[in-house]
Protein backbone atom coordinates (compact mmCIF):
# COMPACT_ATOMS: atom_id res chain seq x y z
CA MET A 1 -39.46 -115.69 -45.21
CA ASN A 2 -39.56 -119.28 -46.45
CA ALA A 3 -38.58 -119.87 -50.07
CA PRO A 4 -41.32 -121.22 -52.37
CA TYR A 5 -41.25 -124.91 -53.12
CA PRO A 6 -42.96 -127.02 -55.79
CA GLU A 7 -46.20 -128.95 -55.40
CA VAL A 8 -45.35 -132.64 -55.25
CA ALA A 9 -47.99 -135.32 -55.83
CA PRO A 10 -48.28 -138.02 -53.12
CA ALA A 11 -47.65 -140.71 -55.75
CA ILE A 12 -44.32 -139.14 -56.64
CA LEU A 13 -43.32 -138.99 -52.98
CA ALA A 14 -44.25 -142.65 -52.58
CA THR A 15 -42.02 -143.51 -55.55
CA LEU A 16 -39.14 -141.46 -54.16
CA HIS A 17 -39.59 -143.16 -50.80
CA ARG A 18 -39.30 -146.61 -52.37
CA GLU A 19 -36.22 -145.56 -54.35
CA ALA A 20 -34.61 -144.10 -51.24
CA ARG A 21 -35.19 -147.29 -49.25
CA ILE A 22 -33.65 -149.42 -52.02
CA ALA A 23 -30.64 -147.08 -52.22
CA GLY A 24 -30.28 -146.88 -48.43
CA GLN A 25 -30.79 -143.13 -48.57
CA ALA A 26 -32.92 -140.78 -46.47
CA VAL A 27 -36.11 -139.92 -48.33
CA MET A 28 -35.69 -136.23 -47.51
CA LEU A 29 -32.31 -136.16 -49.25
CA ARG A 30 -33.88 -137.95 -52.21
CA VAL A 31 -36.54 -135.24 -52.46
CA GLN A 32 -33.85 -132.54 -52.28
CA GLU A 33 -31.88 -134.11 -55.13
CA GLN A 34 -34.95 -134.76 -57.29
CA PHE A 35 -36.25 -131.17 -57.19
CA GLY A 36 -33.03 -129.22 -56.47
CA LEU A 37 -34.34 -127.94 -53.13
CA ASP A 38 -32.61 -126.69 -50.02
CA ALA A 39 -32.96 -128.58 -46.74
CA GLY A 40 -35.72 -126.34 -45.40
CA ALA A 41 -37.94 -126.75 -48.45
CA ALA A 42 -37.60 -130.55 -48.48
CA LEU A 43 -38.46 -130.64 -44.76
CA ARG A 44 -41.57 -128.50 -45.28
CA ILE A 45 -42.79 -130.62 -48.19
CA LEU A 46 -42.62 -133.88 -46.27
CA ALA A 47 -44.02 -132.29 -43.11
CA GLU A 48 -46.99 -130.93 -45.05
CA HIS A 49 -47.74 -134.25 -46.75
CA SER A 50 -47.41 -136.26 -43.53
CA ARG A 51 -49.28 -133.62 -41.50
CA GLN A 52 -46.54 -133.49 -38.90
CA PRO A 53 -44.87 -130.37 -37.49
CA ALA A 54 -41.46 -129.58 -38.97
CA PHE A 55 -38.54 -128.99 -36.59
CA ASP A 56 -35.69 -126.95 -38.07
CA MET A 57 -32.37 -126.46 -36.26
CA ALA A 58 -33.68 -123.60 -34.13
CA ALA A 59 -36.68 -125.67 -33.03
CA LEU A 60 -34.44 -128.66 -32.25
CA ASN A 61 -32.17 -126.49 -30.12
CA ALA A 62 -35.20 -125.46 -28.04
CA LEU A 63 -35.86 -129.10 -27.08
CA THR A 64 -34.15 -131.18 -24.39
CA ALA A 65 -33.10 -134.64 -25.56
CA ASP A 66 -34.35 -137.45 -23.27
CA PHE A 67 -31.91 -140.33 -23.68
CA GLY A 68 -33.39 -141.92 -20.60
CA LYS A 69 -36.49 -142.68 -22.65
CA LEU A 70 -34.75 -143.56 -25.93
CA THR A 71 -31.04 -144.36 -25.63
CA PHE A 72 -28.43 -142.62 -27.70
CA ASN A 73 -27.53 -145.88 -29.45
CA GLU A 74 -31.12 -146.46 -30.55
CA ALA A 75 -31.54 -142.82 -31.55
CA ALA A 76 -28.45 -142.99 -33.76
CA ARG A 77 -29.41 -146.37 -35.24
CA ARG A 78 -33.05 -145.52 -35.95
CA HIS A 79 -32.47 -141.86 -36.93
CA CYS A 80 -35.00 -140.63 -34.42
CA LEU A 81 -34.95 -138.74 -31.13
CA ALA A 82 -37.04 -138.54 -27.97
CA ALA A 83 -37.06 -134.98 -26.61
CA ARG A 84 -39.14 -132.69 -24.44
CA ASP A 85 -40.25 -129.16 -25.12
CA ALA A 86 -40.34 -126.34 -22.55
CA GLY A 87 -43.74 -127.51 -21.30
CA GLY A 88 -42.53 -131.05 -20.68
CA GLN A 89 -44.36 -132.55 -23.67
CA LEU A 90 -42.56 -135.64 -25.03
CA TRP A 91 -41.84 -135.65 -28.78
CA VAL A 92 -40.47 -138.37 -31.05
CA LEU A 93 -38.73 -136.78 -34.01
CA SER A 94 -37.74 -138.77 -37.07
CA THR A 95 -36.32 -138.05 -40.52
CA ASP A 96 -38.75 -140.32 -42.37
CA PRO A 97 -42.49 -139.57 -42.06
CA TRP A 98 -43.33 -143.14 -43.12
CA ASP A 99 -41.03 -144.91 -40.65
CA SER A 100 -43.74 -146.81 -38.80
CA ALA A 101 -41.22 -149.25 -37.32
CA SER A 102 -39.44 -146.55 -35.29
CA ARG A 103 -42.75 -145.09 -34.08
CA ALA A 104 -43.91 -148.56 -33.01
CA TYR A 105 -40.62 -149.13 -31.17
CA ALA A 106 -40.94 -145.74 -29.45
CA GLY A 107 -44.50 -146.55 -28.39
CA HIS A 108 -43.22 -149.78 -26.87
CA VAL A 109 -40.30 -148.35 -24.86
CA LEU A 110 -41.39 -144.82 -23.89
CA GLY A 111 -44.21 -145.74 -21.56
CA GLU A 112 -46.06 -142.43 -21.95
CA PRO A 113 -47.99 -140.57 -24.66
CA PHE A 114 -45.94 -138.65 -27.20
CA LYS A 115 -46.31 -136.48 -30.29
CA THR A 116 -44.41 -137.00 -33.54
CA GLY A 117 -42.45 -134.47 -35.58
CA LEU A 118 -40.14 -134.33 -38.56
CA ALA A 119 -36.51 -133.17 -38.72
CA HIS A 120 -33.92 -132.97 -41.49
CA PRO A 121 -31.31 -135.80 -41.33
CA ALA A 122 -28.40 -133.34 -41.19
CA ASP A 123 -29.99 -131.34 -38.37
CA LEU A 124 -30.77 -134.45 -36.35
CA ALA A 125 -27.23 -135.74 -36.92
CA THR A 126 -25.86 -132.43 -35.64
CA LEU A 127 -27.93 -132.67 -32.47
CA LEU A 128 -26.81 -136.26 -31.88
CA ALA A 129 -23.17 -135.32 -32.57
CA ARG A 130 -23.29 -132.80 -29.73
CA HIS A 131 -24.21 -135.59 -27.34
CA GLU A 132 -22.15 -138.37 -28.89
CA GLU A 133 -19.01 -138.17 -26.82
CA GLY A 134 -20.94 -137.27 -23.69
CA LEU A 135 -23.53 -140.04 -23.86
CA ARG A 136 -22.24 -142.80 -26.10
CA ALA A 137 -18.88 -142.69 -24.35
CA MET A 138 -20.24 -142.39 -20.85
CA GLU A 139 -22.97 -145.05 -20.84
CA GLY A 140 -22.21 -146.87 -17.64
CA VAL A 141 -19.71 -144.31 -16.29
CA GLY A 142 -20.05 -143.80 -12.55
CA GLY A 143 -18.81 -145.55 -9.47
CA ILE A 144 -15.66 -146.77 -11.24
CA ASP A 145 -12.97 -147.76 -8.79
CA THR A 146 -10.11 -148.47 -11.16
CA LEU A 147 -8.90 -147.04 -14.44
CA VAL A 148 -8.50 -149.63 -17.15
CA ALA A 149 -6.14 -148.53 -19.91
CA GLN A 150 -4.53 -150.52 -22.68
CA GLU A 151 -1.45 -148.80 -24.00
CA SER A 152 -0.27 -148.62 -27.57
CA ALA A 153 2.06 -146.32 -29.44
CA THR A 154 -0.86 -144.98 -31.47
CA GLU A 155 -4.50 -144.99 -30.39
CA ALA A 156 -6.75 -146.40 -33.15
CA LEU A 157 -10.04 -144.50 -33.33
CA SER A 158 -13.16 -145.89 -34.98
CA PHE A 159 -16.81 -146.31 -34.13
CA ALA A 160 -16.33 -150.06 -33.74
CA SER A 161 -13.23 -149.83 -31.52
CA ILE A 162 -14.93 -147.28 -29.24
CA ALA A 163 -17.96 -149.53 -28.79
CA GLU A 164 -15.66 -152.45 -27.87
CA ASP A 165 -13.81 -150.56 -25.11
CA VAL A 166 -14.33 -152.22 -21.73
CA SER A 167 -13.60 -149.15 -19.62
CA PRO A 168 -16.20 -146.37 -19.79
CA VAL A 169 -13.49 -143.78 -19.10
CA VAL A 170 -11.33 -145.04 -21.96
CA ARG A 171 -14.44 -144.93 -24.13
CA LEU A 172 -15.11 -141.35 -23.02
CA VAL A 173 -11.64 -140.10 -23.94
CA ARG A 174 -11.39 -141.98 -27.22
CA SER A 175 -14.84 -141.03 -28.46
CA THR A 176 -14.21 -137.40 -27.52
CA LEU A 177 -11.12 -137.48 -29.75
CA TYR A 178 -13.10 -139.23 -32.48
CA ASP A 179 -15.90 -136.68 -32.48
CA ALA A 180 -13.49 -133.72 -32.27
CA LEU A 181 -11.64 -134.94 -35.35
CA LYS A 182 -14.91 -135.37 -37.23
CA ALA A 183 -15.99 -131.88 -36.22
CA GLY A 184 -12.71 -130.29 -37.35
CA ALA A 185 -11.86 -128.99 -33.88
CA SER A 186 -8.40 -127.51 -33.31
CA ASP A 187 -8.45 -128.01 -29.52
CA ILE A 188 -10.27 -130.12 -26.95
CA HIS A 189 -10.75 -128.64 -23.46
CA LEU A 190 -11.39 -131.06 -20.58
CA GLU A 191 -12.35 -128.85 -17.63
CA THR A 192 -12.82 -130.16 -14.08
CA ASP A 193 -15.32 -128.35 -11.88
CA ALA A 194 -17.19 -129.10 -8.64
CA ARG A 195 -19.79 -131.20 -10.51
CA GLY A 196 -17.59 -133.24 -12.83
CA LEU A 197 -16.00 -132.90 -16.28
CA THR A 198 -16.96 -130.40 -18.97
CA VAL A 199 -15.94 -131.05 -22.58
CA LYS A 200 -15.47 -128.14 -25.00
CA TYR A 201 -14.18 -127.92 -28.58
CA ARG A 202 -12.54 -124.98 -30.29
CA ILE A 203 -14.01 -124.85 -33.80
CA ASP A 204 -13.19 -121.97 -36.15
CA GLY A 205 -11.45 -120.24 -33.25
CA VAL A 206 -14.45 -120.27 -30.88
CA LEU A 207 -15.03 -122.54 -27.87
CA SER A 208 -18.27 -124.56 -27.90
CA HIS A 209 -19.72 -126.45 -24.95
CA ILE A 210 -20.17 -130.08 -26.00
CA ALA A 211 -21.03 -132.20 -22.96
CA HIS A 212 -20.78 -132.54 -19.19
CA ALA A 213 -19.92 -135.79 -17.37
CA PRO A 214 -21.18 -135.75 -13.78
CA GLY A 215 -18.91 -136.91 -10.98
CA THR A 216 -15.50 -135.71 -9.85
CA GLU A 217 -14.18 -139.29 -10.04
CA VAL A 218 -15.00 -139.40 -13.74
CA ALA A 219 -13.13 -136.11 -14.27
CA GLU A 220 -10.11 -137.34 -12.34
CA GLN A 221 -9.98 -140.65 -14.23
CA ALA A 222 -10.43 -139.01 -17.63
CA ILE A 223 -7.51 -136.65 -16.97
CA SER A 224 -5.45 -139.61 -15.73
CA ARG A 225 -6.25 -141.47 -18.95
CA VAL A 226 -4.98 -138.53 -20.99
CA LYS A 227 -1.81 -138.49 -18.86
CA VAL A 228 -1.23 -142.20 -19.46
CA MET A 229 -1.60 -141.73 -23.21
CA SER A 230 0.87 -138.82 -23.06
CA GLU A 231 3.36 -140.73 -20.83
CA LEU A 232 3.02 -138.16 -18.04
CA ASP A 233 3.17 -138.65 -14.27
CA ILE A 234 -0.35 -139.55 -13.14
CA ALA A 235 0.65 -139.14 -9.48
CA GLU A 236 1.75 -135.52 -9.91
CA ARG A 237 -1.23 -133.16 -9.68
CA ARG A 238 0.31 -129.97 -8.33
CA VAL A 239 2.37 -128.68 -11.27
CA PRO A 240 1.69 -128.21 -15.00
CA GLN A 241 2.76 -131.00 -17.36
CA ASP A 242 3.17 -131.12 -21.16
CA GLY A 243 3.18 -134.18 -23.38
CA ARG A 244 1.98 -135.61 -26.66
CA PHE A 245 0.60 -138.75 -28.24
CA LYS A 246 -0.69 -139.96 -31.60
CA VAL A 247 -4.03 -141.33 -32.74
CA ALA A 248 -4.93 -143.09 -35.97
CA MET A 249 -8.28 -142.45 -37.64
CA GLN A 250 -9.43 -143.51 -41.10
CA GLY A 251 -5.94 -144.47 -42.17
CA ARG A 252 -4.16 -141.29 -41.09
CA GLU A 253 -2.07 -140.41 -38.05
CA VAL A 254 -2.86 -137.31 -36.02
CA ASP A 255 -0.54 -135.72 -33.47
CA VAL A 256 -2.06 -134.48 -30.22
CA ARG A 257 -0.18 -132.08 -27.94
CA VAL A 258 -1.32 -132.15 -24.32
CA SER A 259 -1.18 -129.48 -21.62
CA ILE A 260 -2.21 -130.43 -18.07
CA MET A 261 -2.87 -127.62 -15.61
CA PRO A 262 -3.76 -127.88 -11.89
CA SER A 263 -6.94 -126.13 -10.75
CA VAL A 264 -8.88 -125.67 -7.52
CA PHE A 265 -11.09 -128.64 -8.43
CA GLY A 266 -8.37 -130.97 -9.68
CA GLU A 267 -6.78 -130.66 -13.13
CA ASP A 268 -7.73 -129.37 -16.57
CA ALA A 269 -6.39 -130.69 -19.88
CA VAL A 270 -6.14 -129.02 -23.28
CA LEU A 271 -5.47 -131.26 -26.27
CA ARG A 272 -4.18 -129.45 -29.38
CA ILE A 273 -4.97 -131.47 -32.52
CA LEU A 274 -2.32 -131.37 -35.25
CA ASP A 275 -3.78 -133.23 -38.22
CA ARG A 276 -0.79 -132.94 -40.52
CA GLN A 277 -2.33 -134.95 -43.36
CA ALA A 278 -5.48 -132.84 -43.38
CA LEU A 279 -3.31 -129.72 -43.22
CA SER A 280 -1.19 -130.99 -46.11
CA GLU A 281 -4.32 -131.60 -48.19
CA GLU A 282 -5.64 -128.16 -47.23
CA LEU A 283 -2.36 -126.43 -48.06
CA ALA A 284 -1.68 -128.33 -51.29
CA GLY A 285 -1.58 -125.64 -53.93
CA LEU A 286 -2.10 -123.02 -51.22
CA THR A 287 -2.14 -119.42 -52.42
CA LEU A 288 -2.72 -116.09 -50.76
CA GLU A 289 -5.88 -115.73 -52.80
CA GLY A 290 -7.10 -119.03 -51.36
CA LEU A 291 -6.91 -117.55 -47.85
CA GLY A 292 -9.52 -114.99 -48.80
CA TYR A 293 -7.26 -112.05 -49.64
CA ALA A 294 -8.32 -110.05 -52.65
CA GLY A 295 -7.82 -106.73 -54.38
CA VAL A 296 -5.33 -104.26 -52.93
CA THR A 297 -4.58 -106.45 -49.89
CA LEU A 298 -3.57 -109.40 -52.07
CA ALA A 299 -1.40 -107.24 -54.31
CA ARG A 300 0.41 -105.65 -51.37
CA ILE A 301 1.23 -108.96 -49.65
CA ARG A 302 2.49 -110.43 -52.93
CA LYS A 303 4.66 -107.36 -53.47
CA LEU A 304 6.21 -107.75 -50.00
CA ALA A 305 6.80 -111.48 -50.57
CA ALA A 306 8.53 -110.84 -53.90
CA GLU A 307 11.12 -108.33 -52.62
CA PRO A 308 14.76 -109.40 -53.14
CA TYR A 309 15.77 -108.67 -49.54
CA GLY A 310 14.46 -107.14 -46.33
CA MET A 311 11.92 -108.32 -43.77
CA LEU A 312 8.22 -109.17 -43.97
CA LEU A 313 6.60 -109.31 -40.54
CA VAL A 314 3.23 -110.96 -39.94
CA THR A 315 1.61 -110.25 -36.59
CA GLY A 316 -1.50 -111.31 -34.72
CA PRO A 317 -2.61 -113.39 -31.73
CA THR A 318 -2.13 -117.14 -31.42
CA GLY A 319 -4.29 -119.00 -33.91
CA SER A 320 -4.76 -116.07 -36.29
CA GLY A 321 -3.19 -117.89 -39.25
CA LYS A 322 0.17 -116.08 -39.32
CA THR A 323 2.18 -119.18 -40.23
CA THR A 324 -0.35 -120.23 -42.88
CA THR A 325 -0.02 -116.82 -44.53
CA LEU A 326 3.76 -117.18 -44.62
CA TYR A 327 3.43 -120.72 -46.02
CA ALA A 328 1.17 -119.36 -48.78
CA ALA A 329 3.59 -116.52 -49.56
CA ILE A 330 6.58 -118.87 -49.69
CA SER A 331 4.67 -121.40 -51.83
CA GLU A 332 3.95 -118.70 -54.40
CA ILE A 333 7.61 -117.64 -54.72
CA ASN A 334 9.09 -121.14 -54.42
CA HIS A 335 10.15 -121.57 -58.05
CA GLY A 336 13.29 -123.60 -57.30
CA ARG A 337 15.89 -120.94 -58.08
CA ASP A 338 16.37 -119.80 -54.46
CA LYS A 339 17.55 -121.60 -51.34
CA ILE A 340 14.70 -121.29 -48.83
CA ILE A 341 15.26 -122.35 -45.22
CA THR A 342 12.80 -122.21 -42.33
CA ILE A 343 13.17 -122.68 -38.58
CA GLU A 344 9.87 -123.43 -36.82
CA ASP A 345 8.39 -124.66 -33.55
CA PRO A 346 6.93 -127.01 -34.60
CA VAL A 347 7.15 -127.68 -38.36
CA GLU A 348 3.43 -127.80 -39.09
CA TYR A 349 3.53 -128.56 -42.80
CA GLN A 350 6.25 -129.81 -45.12
CA LEU A 351 6.92 -127.44 -47.99
CA PRO A 352 8.37 -129.15 -51.10
CA GLY A 353 11.87 -127.97 -51.95
CA VAL A 354 12.28 -126.07 -48.67
CA LEU A 355 14.75 -126.98 -45.90
CA GLN A 356 12.73 -126.90 -42.67
CA ILE A 357 14.39 -127.08 -39.26
CA PRO A 358 12.40 -127.85 -36.10
CA VAL A 359 13.35 -126.01 -32.90
CA ASN A 360 14.58 -128.36 -30.18
CA GLU A 361 15.26 -126.35 -27.02
CA LYS A 362 16.02 -129.47 -24.96
CA LYS A 363 18.98 -130.11 -27.27
CA GLY A 364 19.95 -126.44 -27.36
CA LEU A 365 18.55 -125.67 -30.81
CA THR A 366 16.76 -122.37 -30.20
CA PHE A 367 15.50 -119.89 -32.79
CA ALA A 368 18.58 -117.70 -32.28
CA ARG A 369 21.11 -120.55 -32.52
CA GLY A 370 19.33 -122.11 -35.48
CA LEU A 371 19.17 -118.78 -37.30
CA ARG A 372 22.93 -118.30 -36.88
CA SER A 373 23.53 -121.72 -38.41
CA ILE A 374 21.12 -121.05 -41.26
CA LEU A 375 23.12 -118.00 -42.30
CA ARG A 376 26.14 -120.29 -42.89
CA HIS A 377 24.03 -122.54 -45.14
CA ASP A 378 23.88 -120.10 -48.09
CA PRO A 379 20.18 -119.17 -47.93
CA ASP A 380 18.37 -116.69 -50.17
CA LYS A 381 15.14 -116.57 -48.21
CA ILE A 382 14.62 -117.38 -44.53
CA MET A 383 11.50 -117.97 -42.49
CA VAL A 384 11.73 -117.62 -38.71
CA GLY A 385 8.62 -119.16 -37.13
CA GLU A 386 8.43 -116.60 -34.33
CA ILE A 387 10.58 -113.84 -32.83
CA ARG A 388 10.42 -114.39 -29.07
CA ASP A 389 13.52 -112.68 -27.72
CA ALA A 390 15.99 -109.88 -28.34
CA ASP A 391 18.72 -112.22 -29.62
CA THR A 392 16.51 -113.66 -32.37
CA ALA A 393 15.23 -110.18 -33.26
CA GLN A 394 18.77 -108.81 -33.65
CA ILE A 395 19.90 -111.70 -35.87
CA ALA A 396 16.75 -111.52 -38.03
CA VAL A 397 17.25 -107.79 -38.62
CA GLN A 398 20.94 -108.30 -39.49
CA SER A 399 19.99 -111.10 -41.88
CA ALA A 400 17.57 -108.79 -43.68
CA LEU A 401 20.26 -106.08 -43.88
CA THR A 402 22.80 -108.46 -45.43
CA GLY A 403 20.81 -109.35 -48.53
CA HIS A 404 18.37 -112.02 -47.33
CA LEU A 405 14.59 -111.91 -47.52
CA VAL A 406 13.33 -112.76 -44.03
CA PHE A 407 9.76 -113.89 -43.31
CA THR A 408 8.81 -113.95 -39.65
CA THR A 409 6.02 -113.52 -37.11
CA VAL A 410 5.70 -111.66 -33.84
CA HIS A 411 2.84 -111.31 -31.36
CA ALA A 412 1.29 -107.82 -31.39
CA ASN A 413 -2.20 -106.36 -31.69
CA ASN A 414 -1.67 -104.27 -34.82
CA VAL A 415 1.02 -103.10 -37.23
CA PHE A 416 1.95 -100.11 -35.08
CA ASP A 417 2.47 -102.14 -31.89
CA VAL A 418 5.11 -104.19 -33.73
CA ILE A 419 7.37 -101.17 -33.92
CA GLY A 420 7.28 -100.74 -30.14
CA ARG A 421 7.90 -104.47 -29.60
CA PHE A 422 11.16 -104.45 -31.56
CA ILE A 423 12.42 -101.22 -30.02
CA HIS A 424 11.54 -102.59 -26.57
CA MET A 425 13.66 -105.68 -27.36
CA GLY A 426 16.65 -103.40 -27.83
CA VAL A 427 16.81 -103.40 -31.63
CA ASP A 428 18.28 -100.19 -33.04
CA PRO A 429 15.37 -98.25 -34.65
CA TYR A 430 17.45 -97.21 -37.66
CA SER A 431 18.55 -100.78 -38.38
CA PHE A 432 15.00 -102.05 -37.87
CA VAL A 433 13.32 -99.63 -40.30
CA SER A 434 16.12 -100.10 -42.81
CA ALA A 435 15.53 -103.86 -42.80
CA LEU A 436 11.73 -103.73 -42.68
CA ASN A 437 9.75 -103.83 -45.95
CA GLY A 438 6.31 -104.11 -44.44
CA ILE A 439 4.08 -105.44 -41.68
CA VAL A 440 0.91 -107.51 -42.07
CA ALA A 441 -1.45 -107.68 -39.07
CA GLN A 442 -4.15 -110.28 -39.55
CA ARG A 443 -7.14 -111.97 -37.96
CA LEU A 444 -9.41 -114.84 -38.92
CA VAL A 445 -13.12 -114.03 -39.21
CA ARG A 446 -15.82 -116.70 -39.25
CA VAL A 447 -17.99 -116.52 -42.37
CA ASN A 448 -21.70 -117.20 -42.64
CA CYS A 449 -22.81 -120.74 -43.40
CA PRO A 450 -23.70 -120.86 -47.12
CA HIS A 451 -26.58 -123.29 -46.45
CA CYS A 452 -28.53 -121.41 -43.79
CA ALA A 453 -27.54 -117.72 -44.06
CA VAL A 454 -30.56 -115.46 -44.53
CA PRO A 455 -31.01 -111.67 -44.84
CA THR A 456 -31.35 -109.93 -41.48
CA VAL A 457 -31.73 -106.46 -40.01
CA PRO A 458 -29.36 -105.71 -37.11
CA ALA A 459 -30.83 -104.28 -33.93
CA ASP A 460 -30.29 -100.60 -33.18
CA GLU A 461 -28.33 -101.57 -30.04
CA LEU A 462 -25.94 -103.69 -32.14
CA LEU A 463 -25.39 -100.88 -34.64
CA GLU A 464 -24.68 -98.44 -31.80
CA LEU A 465 -22.29 -100.90 -30.15
CA SER A 466 -20.53 -101.29 -33.51
CA GLY A 467 -20.15 -97.54 -33.97
CA LEU A 468 -22.49 -97.55 -36.99
CA THR A 469 -25.80 -96.00 -38.00
CA LEU A 470 -28.48 -96.96 -40.51
CA GLU A 471 -27.29 -94.12 -42.75
CA LYS A 472 -23.76 -95.52 -42.83
CA THR A 473 -25.00 -99.02 -43.59
CA HIS A 474 -27.70 -98.34 -46.17
CA ASP A 475 -25.76 -100.33 -48.81
CA PHE A 476 -24.84 -103.25 -46.49
CA ASP A 477 -26.15 -106.73 -47.28
CA PHE A 478 -26.66 -107.94 -43.70
CA ARG A 479 -26.90 -111.74 -43.51
CA GLN A 480 -26.71 -114.26 -40.67
CA GLY A 481 -26.71 -118.05 -40.43
CA THR A 482 -29.66 -119.58 -38.59
CA GLY A 483 -27.89 -122.87 -37.81
CA CYS A 484 -28.14 -126.16 -39.69
CA GLY A 485 -26.55 -129.58 -39.89
CA TYR A 486 -23.80 -128.37 -42.23
CA CYS A 487 -22.50 -125.82 -39.68
CA ARG A 488 -23.38 -127.89 -36.57
CA GLY A 489 -25.95 -125.29 -35.58
CA SER A 490 -23.46 -122.42 -35.23
CA GLY A 491 -24.53 -120.36 -38.25
CA TYR A 492 -20.88 -120.09 -39.36
CA LYS A 493 -18.78 -122.36 -41.55
CA GLY A 494 -15.09 -121.71 -42.13
CA ARG A 495 -12.99 -118.60 -41.72
CA ARG A 496 -11.39 -115.94 -43.91
CA ALA A 497 -8.31 -113.86 -43.27
CA ILE A 498 -8.47 -110.09 -43.00
CA ALA A 499 -5.38 -107.91 -42.89
CA GLU A 500 -4.02 -104.49 -42.04
CA ILE A 501 -0.89 -103.77 -44.11
CA LEU A 502 1.80 -101.19 -43.43
CA LEU A 503 4.24 -100.58 -46.31
CA LEU A 504 7.37 -98.80 -45.12
CA THR A 505 7.95 -95.51 -46.95
CA ASP A 506 10.81 -93.06 -46.45
CA GLU A 507 8.46 -90.76 -44.56
CA LEU A 508 7.41 -93.54 -42.18
CA ARG A 509 11.03 -94.59 -41.64
CA GLU A 510 11.97 -91.03 -40.69
CA LEU A 511 9.05 -90.78 -38.25
CA ILE A 512 9.92 -94.09 -36.56
CA VAL A 513 13.63 -93.23 -36.20
CA ALA A 514 12.68 -89.83 -34.80
CA ARG A 515 10.43 -91.58 -32.22
CA ALA A 516 7.41 -89.63 -33.47
CA PRO A 517 4.06 -90.11 -31.69
CA ILE A 518 2.05 -93.12 -32.84
CA SER A 519 -0.81 -90.81 -33.87
CA GLN A 520 1.49 -89.09 -36.35
CA ILE A 521 2.75 -92.44 -37.68
CA LYS A 522 -0.85 -93.65 -38.10
CA GLU A 523 -1.79 -90.47 -39.97
CA SER A 524 1.12 -90.92 -42.36
CA ALA A 525 0.24 -94.60 -42.87
CA ALA A 526 -3.38 -93.73 -43.62
CA HIS A 527 -2.23 -91.29 -46.31
CA GLY A 528 -0.22 -94.18 -47.76
CA GLY A 529 -3.32 -96.36 -48.05
CA THR A 530 -3.19 -98.41 -44.84
CA LYS A 531 -6.68 -99.66 -43.94
CA SER A 532 -7.44 -100.87 -40.41
CA LEU A 533 -8.44 -104.40 -39.47
CA ARG A 534 -11.84 -103.01 -38.51
CA ASP A 535 -12.41 -101.61 -41.99
CA ALA A 536 -11.35 -104.91 -43.57
CA ALA A 537 -13.78 -106.81 -41.35
CA LEU A 538 -16.68 -104.42 -42.03
CA ALA A 539 -16.10 -104.92 -45.76
CA LEU A 540 -17.05 -108.59 -45.24
CA VAL A 541 -20.22 -107.54 -43.41
CA LYS A 542 -21.09 -105.24 -46.30
CA THR A 543 -20.97 -108.14 -48.77
CA GLY A 544 -22.94 -110.47 -46.47
CA ASP A 545 -20.00 -112.78 -45.76
CA THR A 546 -20.02 -112.34 -41.98
CA THR A 547 -21.93 -110.63 -39.16
CA LEU A 548 -21.48 -107.56 -37.00
CA GLU A 549 -21.34 -109.80 -33.92
CA GLU A 550 -18.36 -111.65 -35.39
CA VAL A 551 -16.61 -108.42 -36.37
CA ASN A 552 -17.06 -107.04 -32.85
CA ARG A 553 -15.65 -110.29 -31.44
CA VAL A 554 -12.50 -110.09 -33.54
CA THR A 555 -11.73 -106.37 -33.90
CA LEU A 556 -11.88 -103.24 -31.78
CA VAL A 557 -14.56 -100.61 -32.41
CA GLY A 558 -12.98 -97.40 -33.64
């Protein structure tokens, strides 16, 4: 149900419109600021006064942009869009109901009748952003016989430099990087198929389809461009290749790690974005509380991080924030009185007052070899980025048994699978449980966009799929984002960590050494207060912070 909004006299709107034009601001944003409204209310007010239909994000998503009628460049410059609805009707959507110049221009270039509508500036910008790298970068792509590439140690990314690029393929790759950085993507996927090149971003842990460039030649040349930037062999297309390069954007350098993989249609590329400066700003003053932990979970992790010796294991899949949790824990206990040394692959963020060693396997510096050397460097606390093999596991356990506090990560699905992983690697169960203080299994859950989340009632099928009933959820505050410019139409903005924590008690140690069934170990852990990842995720649904769909995506039912 739409929120009420104030009656605004036409004279006041006319005044606000003049002020907005003088300030170079969108009139809709001016109305929002003046009356303290949300985006939807401001849109409805101006739509009502101009007698034009209002198009929110959901309505925009139902349209098909027609850049053949009004080019992307003109759409971005004039803040308007030509699009067709499901019936083929042509619409011209603008953000200013009194922008007669844009309507006159549209009437001149479209060559067919059209209807006008109104959209919020942020929503229209989101829609254009989805097409930016696919249309702005690819204007003129097609039938290119040669790849033009100008090499530099660091690619400089800006709107102006992209527009000046002579080669459409270079423009495609650079503008894709530019848009991905603006969107906060962690990875860019360039996928070659039978029709051409598909571009996807991973944002908040989820892949989103961004654009498709038709033509296999375009796909081949785009992948070759990425190879040239990464100093890889462009002639080799049969085996995987790994490389890296740097880009500069808005005065900061960003590292990009590249993985090239052969496929049946050619090659695919995945570009991992490592924005160290943004990460440093994000982690400045980082605390466990800042990651979203609260209550009993926060207290238990802090207790494990403050132990004088032993091992704290954090587990979860790739990209679940394990290293960030360890950084936060170390930052909280880094008071300068202890020697803290880390060995990582790679060092993602520089911790003040901490000796950080990057793994370099080409030079023979592995986790195991580095850990042995660290023990001769008089450490008090050690962080091992990841335990990948039996040798590293053995040394980490021995380090914890000899008076050091060891922070480390390992890949496993939950806290109980970790036990099997270490025993499978040949670690003596008695030594392992003697060294182990606790295990934290974590996931990252997308949270509802604060700007467009509204109350909702989940469907019966969704409740059944989630193992819930209306009786069990009578006190739940179900909310879901509808999609807006702030969240790029996804309905989610940002992520929070959830955790399952196992504190080692004498009873649990005895069960593990005795190779007791996992069911018995789980029962004992539950008596000790261990809550599952599923329960932690459902607690966020209960408070309206996330959705059942997101919880089902991240955790197992039951």
